[in-house]
Amino acid sequence: MCVGCRRRDSRKNLVRVVCVDSTLVVDEKAQYQGRGAWIHAEASCCARALRPGTLERALRVEQLDSTALRQWIRTVQEPGNRNGDPVLTREKESG
């Protein structure tokens, strides 16, 4: 279930995040152990998940540095879609 929109979806459509030493880590390959949270790779879901307390509650931590997720969002953003909203993809740039 996406912690941003609360919709259920298959793992192939979600990105896992985990807390490592009070730092949020994007676990694209779902290889880290421990409690994780799942988020759709969409700007709206990420924005909702980044609201104060949302990821902390999902990961059961008191404090969380979400800088890594914010940077990941910036690196995977493409120019706008038909609505002019940013589109997030899970594909990495080649090159």
PDB file of N, CA and C in Angstrom:
ATOM      1  N   MET A   1       0.842  -1.174   0.000  1.00  0.00           N
ATOM      2  CA  MET A   1       0.000   0.000   0.000  1.00  0.00           C
ATOM      3  C   MET A   1       0.893   1.245   0.000  1.00  0.00           C
ATOM      4  N   CYS A   2       0.547   2.201  -0.812  1.00  0.00           N
ATOM      5  CA  CYS A   2       1.290   3.459  -0.905  1.00  0.00           C
ATOM      6  C   CYS A   2       0.980   4.322   0.322  1.00  0.00           C
ATOM      7  N   VAL A   3       2.031   4.788   1.011  1.00  0.00           N
ATOM      8  CA  VAL A   3       1.802   5.639   2.183  1.00  0.00           C
ATOM      9  C   VAL A   3       1.355   7.041   1.780  1.00  0.00           C
ATOM     10  N   GLY A   4       1.505   7.388   0.509  1.00  0.00           N
ATOM     11  CA  GLY A   4       1.067   8.700   0.046  1.00  0.00           C
ATOM     12  C   GLY A   4      -0.425   8.749  -0.216  1.00  0.00           C
ATOM     13  N   CYS A   5      -0.908   7.857  -1.079  1.00  0.00           N
ATOM     14  CA  CYS A   5      -2.322   7.887  -1.471  1.00  0.00           C
ATOM     15  C   CYS A   5      -3.157   6.816  -0.770  1.00  0.00           C
ATOM     16  N   ARG A   6      -2.499   5.864  -0.089  1.00  0.00           N
ATOM     17  CA  ARG A   6      -3.157   4.779   0.644  1.00  0.00           C
ATOM     18  C   ARG A   6      -3.842   3.762  -0.260  1.00  0.00           C
ATOM     19  N   ARG A   7      -3.495   3.742  -1.554  1.00  0.00           N
ATOM     20  CA  ARG A   7      -4.057   2.744  -2.470  1.00  0.00           C
ATOM     21  C   ARG A   7      -3.169   1.509  -2.480  1.00  0.00           C
ATOM     22  N   ARG A   8      -3.799   0.358  -2.636  1.00  0.00           N
ATOM     23  CA  ARG A   8      -3.055  -0.888  -2.782  1.00  0.00           C
ATOM     24  C   ARG A   8      -2.637  -1.034  -4.239  1.00  0.00           C
ATOM     25  N   ASP A   9      -1.442  -1.574  -4.446  1.00  0.00           N
ATOM     26  CA  ASP A   9      -0.934  -1.764  -5.799  1.00  0.00           C
ATOM     27  C   ASP A   9       0.136  -2.843  -5.746  1.00  0.00           C
ATOM     28  N   SER A  10       0.540  -3.337  -6.901  1.00  0.00           N
ATOM     29  CA  SER A  10       1.582  -4.363  -6.929  1.00  0.00           C
ATOM     30  C   SER A  10       2.947  -3.728  -6.675  1.00  0.00           C
ATOM     31  N   ARG A  11       3.883  -4.529  -6.193  1.00  0.00           N
ATOM     32  CA  ARG A  11       5.211  -4.031  -5.850  1.00  0.00           C
ATOM     33  C   ARG A  11       5.927  -3.421  -7.047  1.00  0.00           C
ATOM     34  N   LYS A  12       5.624  -3.886  -8.259  1.00  0.00           N
ATOM     35  CA  LYS A  12       6.314  -3.345  -9.432  1.00  0.00           C
ATOM     36  C   LYS A  12       5.953  -1.884  -9.687  1.00  0.00           C
ATOM     37  N   ASN A  13       4.842  -1.424  -9.111  1.00  0.00           N
ATOM     38  CA  ASN A  13       4.407  -0.035  -9.279  1.00  0.00           C
ATOM     39  C   ASN A  13       4.772   0.852  -8.098  1.00  0.00           C
ATOM     40  N   LEU A  14       5.457   0.287  -7.107  1.00  0.00           N
ATOM     41  CA  LEU A  14       5.796   1.020  -5.895  1.00  0.00           C
ATOM     42  C   LEU A  14       7.302   1.043  -5.681  1.00  0.00           C
ATOM     43  N   VAL A  15       7.768   2.029  -4.947  1.00  0.00           N
ATOM     44  CA  VAL A  15       9.177   2.150  -4.566  1.00  0.00           C
ATOM     45  C   VAL A  15       9.230   2.026  -3.047  1.00  0.00           C
ATOM     46  N   ARG A  16      10.181   1.259  -2.561  1.00  0.00           N
ATOM     47  CA  ARG A  16      10.309   1.044  -1.112  1.00  0.00           C
ATOM     48  C   ARG A  16      11.289   2.048  -0.524  1.00  0.00           C
ATOM     49  N   VAL A  17      10.963   2.569   0.645  1.00  0.00           N
ATOM     50  CA  VAL A  17      11.876   3.427   1.396  1.00  0.00           C
ATOM     51  C   VAL A  17      12.046   2.820   2.783  1.00  0.00           C
ATOM     52  N   VAL A  18      13.248   2.952   3.332  1.00  0.00           N
ATOM     53  CA  VAL A  18      13.552   2.436   4.664  1.00  0.00           C
ATOM     54  C   VAL A  18      14.288   3.507   5.448  1.00  0.00           C
ATOM     55  N   CYS A  19      14.322   3.343   6.753  1.00  0.00           N
ATOM     56  CA  CYS A  19      15.052   4.260   7.617  1.00  0.00           C
ATOM     57  C   CYS A  19      16.340   3.579   8.060  1.00  0.00           C
ATOM     58  N   VAL A  20      17.475   4.209   7.760  1.00  0.00           N
ATOM     59  CA  VAL A  20      18.780   3.711   8.183  1.00  0.00           C
ATOM     60  C   VAL A  20      19.446   4.829   8.972  1.00  0.00           C
ATOM     61  N   ASP A  21      19.637   4.617  10.262  1.00  0.00           N
ATOM     62  CA  ASP A  21      20.248   5.626  11.138  1.00  0.00           C
ATOM     63  C   ASP A  21      19.559   6.985  11.022  1.00  0.00           C
ATOM     64  N   SER A  22      18.254   7.008  11.127  1.00  0.00           N
ATOM     65  CA  SER A  22      17.421   8.220  11.070  1.00  0.00           C
ATOM     66  C   SER A  22      17.438   8.921   9.718  1.00  0.00           C
ATOM     67  N   THR A  23      17.941   8.239   8.686  1.00  0.00           N
ATOM     68  CA  THR A  23      17.961   8.799   7.338  1.00  0.00           C
ATOM     69  C   THR A  23      17.092   7.938   6.436  1.00  0.00           C
ATOM     70  N   LEU A  24      16.243   8.579   5.661  1.00  0.00           N
ATOM     71  CA  LEU A  24      15.394   7.874   4.719  1.00  0.00           C
ATOM     72  C   LEU A  24      16.229   7.445   3.524  1.00  0.00           C
ATOM     73  N   VAL A  25      16.138   6.169   3.153  1.00  0.00           N
ATOM     74  CA  VAL A  25      16.896   5.624   2.032  1.00  0.00           C
ATOM     75  C   VAL A  25      15.904   5.045   1.034  1.00  0.00           C
ATOM     76  N   VAL A  26      16.066   5.396  -0.250  1.00  0.00           N
ATOM     77  CA  VAL A  26      15.236   4.827  -1.302  1.00  0.00           C
ATOM     78  C   VAL A  26      15.816   3.458  -1.635  1.00  0.00           C
ATOM     79  N   ASP A  27      15.034   2.422  -1.429  1.00  0.00           N
ATOM     80  CA  ASP A  27      15.457   1.033  -1.607  1.00  0.00           C
ATOM     81  C   ASP A  27      14.840   0.490  -2.891  1.00  0.00           C
ATOM     82  N   GLU A  28      15.349   0.941  -4.038  1.00  0.00           N
ATOM     83  CA  GLU A  28      14.752   0.590  -5.325  1.00  0.00           C
ATOM     84  C   GLU A  28      14.732  -0.908  -5.590  1.00  0.00           C
ATOM     85  N   LYS A  29      15.709  -1.638  -5.074  1.00  0.00           N
ATOM     86  CA  LYS A  29      15.776  -3.083  -5.314  1.00  0.00           C
ATOM     87  C   LYS A  29      15.164  -3.888  -4.169  1.00  0.00           C
ATOM     88  N   ALA A  30      14.595  -3.216  -3.187  1.00  0.00           N
ATOM     89  CA  ALA A  30      13.965  -3.858  -2.027  1.00  0.00           C
ATOM     90  C   ALA A  30      14.899  -4.870  -1.378  1.00  0.00           C
ATOM     91  N   GLN A  31      16.133  -4.443  -1.121  1.00  0.00           N
ATOM     92  CA  GLN A  31      17.123  -5.357  -0.561  1.00  0.00           C
ATOM     93  C   GLN A  31      17.476  -5.065   0.891  1.00  0.00           C
ATOM     94  N   TYR A  32      17.110  -3.890   1.409  1.00  0.00           N
ATOM     95  CA  TYR A  32      17.407  -3.567   2.801  1.00  0.00           C
ATOM     96  C   TYR A  32      16.476  -4.348   3.724  1.00  0.00           C
ATOM     97  N   GLN A  33      16.997  -4.718   4.877  1.00  0.00           N
ATOM     98  CA  GLN A  33      16.183  -5.414   5.866  1.00  0.00           C
ATOM     99  C   GLN A  33      15.462  -4.398   6.733  1.00  0.00           C
ATOM    100  N   GLY A  34      14.472  -4.870   7.436  1.00  0.00           N
ATOM    101  CA  GLY A  34      13.784  -4.016   8.385  1.00  0.00           C
ATOM    102  C   GLY A  34      12.499  -3.429   7.842  1.00  0.00           C
ATOM    103  N   ARG A  35      11.885  -2.603   8.670  1.00  0.00           N
ATOM    104  CA  ARG A  35      10.607  -1.990   8.324  1.00  0.00           C
ATOM    105  C   ARG A  35      10.785  -1.022   7.166  1.00  0.00           C
ATOM    106  N   GLY A  36       9.928  -1.149   6.196  1.00  0.00           N
ATOM    107  CA  GLY A  36       9.952  -0.254   5.052  1.00  0.00           C
ATOM    108  C   GLY A  36       8.564   0.286   4.778  1.00  0.00           C
ATOM    109  N   ALA A  37       8.502   1.270   3.924  1.00  0.00           N
ATOM    110  CA  ALA A  37       7.231   1.835   3.485  1.00  0.00           C
ATOM    111  C   ALA A  37       7.271   1.885   1.963  1.00  0.00           C
ATOM    112  N   TRP A  38       6.121   1.778   1.350  1.00  0.00           N
ATOM    113  CA  TRP A  38       6.026   1.755  -0.110  1.00  0.00           C
ATOM    114  C   TRP A  38       5.318   3.009  -0.602  1.00  0.00           C
ATOM    115  N   ILE A  39       5.836   3.556  -1.708  1.00  0.00           N
ATOM    116  CA  ILE A  39       5.292   4.788  -2.281  1.00  0.00           C
ATOM    117  C   ILE A  39       5.207   4.624  -3.792  1.00  0.00           C
ATOM    118  N   HIS A  40       4.110   5.109  -4.382  1.00  0.00           N
ATOM    119  CA  HIS A  40       4.049   5.176  -5.843  1.00  0.00           C
ATOM    120  C   HIS A  40       5.113   6.156  -6.324  1.00  0.00           C
ATOM    121  N   ALA A  41       5.719   5.884  -7.443  1.00  0.00           N
ATOM    122  CA  ALA A  41       6.732   6.777  -8.008  1.00  0.00           C
ATOM    123  C   ALA A  41       6.047   7.898  -8.779  1.00  0.00           C
ATOM    124  N   GLU A  42       5.161   8.603  -8.102  1.00  0.00           N
ATOM    125  CA  GLU A  42       4.422   9.724  -8.679  1.00  0.00           C
ATOM    126  C   GLU A  42       4.619  10.933  -7.777  1.00  0.00           C
ATOM    127  N   ALA A  43       4.685  12.086  -8.381  1.00  0.00           N
ATOM    128  CA  ALA A  43       4.942  13.307  -7.618  1.00  0.00           C
ATOM    129  C   ALA A  43       3.897  13.534  -6.529  1.00  0.00           C
ATOM    130  N   SER A  44       2.624  13.292  -6.827  1.00  0.00           N
ATOM    131  CA  SER A  44       1.572  13.555  -5.839  1.00  0.00           C
ATOM    132  C   SER A  44       1.689  12.621  -4.637  1.00  0.00           C
ATOM    133  N   CYS A  45       2.009  11.360  -4.870  1.00  0.00           N
ATOM    134  CA  CYS A  45       2.151  10.406  -3.761  1.00  0.00           C
ATOM    135  C   CYS A  45       3.376  10.735  -2.921  1.00  0.00           C
ATOM    136  N   CYS A  46       4.467  11.091  -3.577  1.00  0.00           N
ATOM    137  CA  CYS A  46       5.681  11.454  -2.838  1.00  0.00           C
ATOM    138  C   CYS A  46       5.447  12.705  -2.007  1.00  0.00           C
ATOM    139  N   ALA A  47       4.736  13.679  -2.564  1.00  0.00           N
ATOM    140  CA  ALA A  47       4.453  14.909  -1.825  1.00  0.00           C
ATOM    141  C   ALA A  47       3.606  14.612  -0.588  1.00  0.00           C
ATOM    142  N   ARG A  48       2.616  13.737  -0.731  1.00  0.00           N
ATOM    143  CA  ARG A  48       1.784  13.375   0.422  1.00  0.00           C
ATOM    144  C   ARG A  48       2.595  12.614   1.465  1.00  0.00           C
ATOM    145  N   ALA A  49       3.468  11.725   1.002  1.00  0.00           N
ATOM    146  CA  ALA A  49       4.292  10.941   1.930  1.00  0.00           C
ATOM    147  C   ALA A  49       5.272  11.828   2.690  1.00  0.00           C
ATOM    148  N   LEU A  50       5.686  12.931   2.079  1.00  0.00           N
ATOM    149  CA  LEU A  50       6.649  13.831   2.708  1.00  0.00           C
ATOM    150  C   LEU A  50       6.005  14.817   3.682  1.00  0.00           C
ATOM    151  N   ARG A  51       4.691  14.765   3.818  1.00  0.00           N
ATOM    152  CA  ARG A  51       4.038  15.620   4.815  1.00  0.00           C
ATOM    153  C   ARG A  51       4.556  15.247   6.201  1.00  0.00           C
ATOM    154  N   PRO A  52       4.675  16.222   7.084  1.00  0.00           N
ATOM    155  CA  PRO A  52       5.217  15.949   8.425  1.00  0.00           C
ATOM    156  C   PRO A  52       4.491  14.801   9.132  1.00  0.00           C
ATOM    157  N   GLY A  53       5.273  13.836   9.589  1.00  0.00           N
ATOM    158  CA  GLY A  53       4.743  12.727  10.368  1.00  0.00           C
ATOM    159  C   GLY A  53       4.309  11.505   9.591  1.00  0.00           C
ATOM    160  N   THR A  54       4.088  11.628   8.285  1.00  0.00           N
ATOM    161  CA  THR A  54       3.563  10.502   7.517  1.00  0.00           C
ATOM    162  C   THR A  54       4.558   9.345   7.459  1.00  0.00           C
ATOM    163  N   LEU A  55       5.767   9.608   6.984  1.00  0.00           N
ATOM    164  CA  LEU A  55       6.761   8.536   6.889  1.00  0.00           C
ATOM    165  C   LEU A  55       7.262   8.111   8.265  1.00  0.00           C
ATOM    166  N   GLU A  56       7.362   9.048   9.187  1.00  0.00           N
ATOM    167  CA  GLU A  56       7.782   8.701  10.543  1.00  0.00           C
ATOM    168  C   GLU A  56       6.807   7.691  11.159  1.00  0.00           C
ATOM    169  N   ARG A  57       5.535   7.915  10.957  1.00  0.00           N
ATOM    170  CA  ARG A  57       4.511   7.013  11.487  1.00  0.00           C
ATOM    171  C   ARG A  57       4.584   5.653  10.791  1.00  0.00           C
ATOM    172  N   ALA A  58       4.738   5.651   9.469  1.00  0.00           N
ATOM    173  CA  ALA A  58       4.793   4.396   8.718  1.00  0.00           C
ATOM    174  C   ALA A  58       6.025   3.571   9.080  1.00  0.00           C
ATOM    175  N   LEU A  59       7.140   4.251   9.321  1.00  0.00           N
ATOM    176  CA  LEU A  59       8.389   3.553   9.629  1.00  0.00           C
ATOM    177  C   LEU A  59       8.615   3.392  11.131  1.00  0.00           C
ATOM    178  N   ARG A  60       7.710   3.947  11.927  1.00  0.00           N
ATOM    179  CA  ARG A  60       7.773   3.876  13.391  1.00  0.00           C
ATOM    180  C   ARG A  60       9.085   4.432  13.942  1.00  0.00           C
ATOM    181  N   VAL A  61       9.407   5.639  13.495  1.00  0.00           N
ATOM    182  CA  VAL A  61      10.578   6.353  14.001  1.00  0.00           C
ATOM    183  C   VAL A  61      10.123   7.734  14.459  1.00  0.00           C
ATOM    184  N   GLU A  62      10.903   8.345  15.341  1.00  0.00           N
ATOM    185  CA  GLU A  62      10.525   9.665  15.846  1.00  0.00           C
ATOM    186  C   GLU A  62      11.021  10.788  14.956  1.00  0.00           C
ATOM    187  N   GLN A  63      12.219  10.630  14.407  1.00  0.00           N
ATOM    188  CA  GLN A  63      12.813  11.664  13.569  1.00  0.00           C
ATOM    189  C   GLN A  63      13.345  11.024  12.302  1.00  0.00           C
ATOM    190  N   LEU A  64      13.231  11.751  11.191  1.00  0.00           N
ATOM    191  CA  LEU A  64      13.615  11.189   9.906  1.00  0.00           C
ATOM    192  C   LEU A  64      14.135  12.289   8.996  1.00  0.00           C
ATOM    193  N   ASP A  65      15.295  12.063   8.400  1.00  0.00           N
ATOM    194  CA  ASP A  65      15.851  12.991   7.417  1.00  0.00           C
ATOM    195  C   ASP A  65      15.409  12.508   6.041  1.00  0.00           C
ATOM    196  N   SER A  66      14.517  13.243   5.391  1.00  0.00           N
ATOM    197  CA  SER A  66      13.951  12.818   4.111  1.00  0.00           C
ATOM    198  C   SER A  66      14.673  13.414   2.908  1.00  0.00           C
ATOM    199  N   THR A  67      15.870  13.937   3.103  1.00  0.00           N
ATOM    200  CA  THR A  67      16.631  14.554   2.015  1.00  0.00           C
ATOM    201  C   THR A  67      16.852  13.586   0.860  1.00  0.00           C
ATOM    202  N   ALA A  68      17.143  12.325   1.156  1.00  0.00           N
ATOM    203  CA  ALA A  68      17.424  11.339   0.105  1.00  0.00           C
ATOM    204  C   ALA A  68      16.220  11.136  -0.810  1.00  0.00           C
ATOM    205  N   LEU A  69      15.012  11.081  -0.235  1.00  0.00           N
ATOM    206  CA  LEU A  69      13.816  10.921  -1.065  1.00  0.00           C
ATOM    207  C   LEU A  69      13.598  12.160  -1.921  1.00  0.00           C
ATOM    208  N   ARG A  70      13.799  13.326  -1.352  1.00  0.00           N
ATOM    209  CA  ARG A  70      13.643  14.564  -2.124  1.00  0.00           C
ATOM    210  C   ARG A  70      14.636  14.610  -3.289  1.00  0.00           C
ATOM    211  N   GLN A  71      15.870  14.176  -3.062  1.00  0.00           N
ATOM    212  CA  GLN A  71      16.870  14.142  -4.135  1.00  0.00           C
ATOM    213  C   GLN A  71      16.501  13.098  -5.177  1.00  0.00           C
ATOM    214  N   TRP A  72      16.011  11.951  -4.742  1.00  0.00           N
ATOM    215  CA  TRP A  72      15.620  10.895  -5.675  1.00  0.00           C
ATOM    216  C   TRP A  72      14.492  11.387  -6.577  1.00  0.00           C
ATOM    217  N   ILE A  73      13.549  12.111  -5.992  1.00  0.00           N
ATOM    218  CA  ILE A  73      12.437  12.655  -6.776  1.00  0.00           C
ATOM    219  C   ILE A  73      12.975  13.580  -7.865  1.00  0.00           C
ATOM    220  N   ARG A  74      13.924  14.447  -7.498  1.00  0.00           N
ATOM    221  CA  ARG A  74      14.498  15.376  -8.487  1.00  0.00           C
ATOM    222  C   ARG A  74      15.242  14.640  -9.596  1.00  0.00           C
ATOM    223  N   THR A  75      15.927  13.547  -9.269  1.00  0.00           N
ATOM    224  CA  THR A  75      16.724  12.852 -10.283  1.00  0.00           C
ATOM    225  C   THR A  75      15.871  12.059 -11.257  1.00  0.00           C
ATOM    226  N   VAL A  76      14.680  11.645 -10.844  1.00  0.00           N
ATOM    227  CA  VAL A  76      13.850  10.848 -11.741  1.00  0.00           C
ATOM    228  C   VAL A  76      12.740  11.646 -12.406  1.00  0.00           C
ATOM    229  N   GLN A  77      12.661  12.941 -12.117  1.00  0.00           N
ATOM    230  CA  GLN A  77      11.628  13.756 -12.763  1.00  0.00           C
ATOM    231  C   GLN A  77      11.960  13.954 -14.233  1.00  0.00           C
ATOM    232  N   GLU A  78      10.916  13.899 -15.029  1.00  0.00           N
ATOM    233  CA  GLU A  78      11.028  14.187 -16.450  1.00  0.00           C
ATOM    234  C   GLU A  78      10.271  15.480 -16.711  1.00  0.00           C
ATOM    235  N   PRO A  79      10.467  16.078 -17.890  1.00  0.00           N
ATOM    236  CA  PRO A  79       9.644  17.245 -18.211  1.00  0.00           C
ATOM    237  C   PRO A  79       8.167  16.871 -18.098  1.00  0.00           C
ATOM    238  N   GLY A  80       7.278  17.817 -18.034  1.00  0.00           N
ATOM    239  CA  GLY A  80       5.874  17.566 -17.730  1.00  0.00           C
ATOM    240  C   GLY A  80       5.152  16.608 -18.649  1.00  0.00           C
ATOM    241  N   ASN A  81       4.045  16.089 -18.152  1.00  0.00           N
ATOM    242  CA  ASN A  81       3.167  15.256 -18.954  1.00  0.00           C
ATOM    243  C   ASN A  81       2.064  16.137 -19.535  1.00  0.00           C
ATOM    244  N   ARG A  82       0.999  15.541 -20.020  1.00  0.00           N
ATOM    245  CA  ARG A  82      -0.071  16.318 -20.660  1.00  0.00           C
ATOM    246  C   ARG A  82      -0.694  17.349 -19.726  1.00  0.00           C
ATOM    247  N   ASN A  83      -0.740  17.060 -18.443  1.00  0.00           N
ATOM    248  CA  ASN A  83      -1.342  17.990 -17.491  1.00  0.00           C
ATOM    249  C   ASN A  83      -0.366  19.047 -17.010  1.00  0.00           C
ATOM    250  N   GLY A  84       0.899  18.922 -17.425  1.00  0.00           N
ATOM    251  CA  GLY A  84       1.905  19.854 -16.965  1.00  0.00           C
ATOM    252  C   GLY A  84       2.506  19.474 -15.627  1.00  0.00           C
ATOM    253  N   ASP A  85       2.061  18.342 -15.069  1.00  0.00           N
ATOM    254  CA  ASP A  85       2.599  17.871 -13.794  1.00  0.00           C
ATOM    255  C   ASP A  85       3.876  17.084 -14.039  1.00  0.00           C
ATOM    256  N   PRO A  86       4.803  17.111 -13.095  1.00  0.00           N
ATOM    257  CA  PRO A  86       6.001  16.306 -13.266  1.00  0.00           C
ATOM    258  C   PRO A  86       5.651  14.823 -13.230  1.00  0.00           C
ATOM    259  N   VAL A  87       6.383  14.033 -13.980  1.00  0.00           N
ATOM    260  CA  VAL A  87       6.180  12.594 -14.039  1.00  0.00           C
ATOM    261  C   VAL A  87       7.403  11.928 -13.439  1.00  0.00           C
ATOM    262  N   LEU A  88       7.190  10.981 -12.546  1.00  0.00           N
ATOM    263  CA  LEU A  88       8.298  10.243 -11.961  1.00  0.00           C
ATOM    264  C   LEU A  88       8.327   8.855 -12.572  1.00  0.00           C
ATOM    265  N   THR A  89       9.511   8.396 -12.896  1.00  0.00           N
ATOM    266  CA  THR A  89       9.663   7.047 -13.419  1.00  0.00           C
ATOM    267  C   THR A  89      10.673   6.308 -12.574  1.00  0.00           C
ATOM    268  N   ARG A  90      10.673   5.006 -12.672  1.00  0.00           N
ATOM    269  CA  ARG A  90      11.638   4.208 -11.931  1.00  0.00           C
ATOM    270  C   ARG A  90      12.839   3.882 -12.803  1.00  0.00           C
ATOM    271  N   GLU A  91      12.825   4.278 -14.049  1.00  0.00           N
ATOM    272  CA  GLU A  91      13.929   4.003 -14.961  1.00  0.00           C
ATOM    273  C   GLU A  91      15.068   4.970 -14.701  1.00  0.00           C
ATOM    274  N   LYS A  92      16.289   4.467 -14.728  1.00  0.00           N
ATOM    275  CA  LYS A  92      17.448   5.333 -14.559  1.00  0.00           C
ATOM    276  C   LYS A  92      17.904   5.821 -15.925  1.00  0.00           C
ATOM    277  N   GLU A  93      18.476   7.023 -15.932  1.00  0.00           N
ATOM    278  CA  GLU A  93      18.997   7.559 -17.184  1.00  0.00           C
ATOM    279  C   GLU A  93      20.200   6.757 -17.619  1.00  0.00           C
ATOM    280  N   SER A  94      20.314   6.544 -18.915  1.00  0.00           N
ATOM    281  CA  SER A  94      21.511   5.876 -19.421  1.00  0.00           C
ATOM    282  C   SER A  94      22.509   6.940 -19.818  1.00  0.00           C
ATOM    283  N   GLY A  95      23.757   6.580 -19.761  1.00  0.00           N
ATOM    284  CA  GLY A  95      24.731   7.549 -20.229  1.00  0.00           C
ATOM    285  C   GLY A  95      25.752   7.782 -19.261  1.00  0.00           C
TER     286      GLY A  95
END
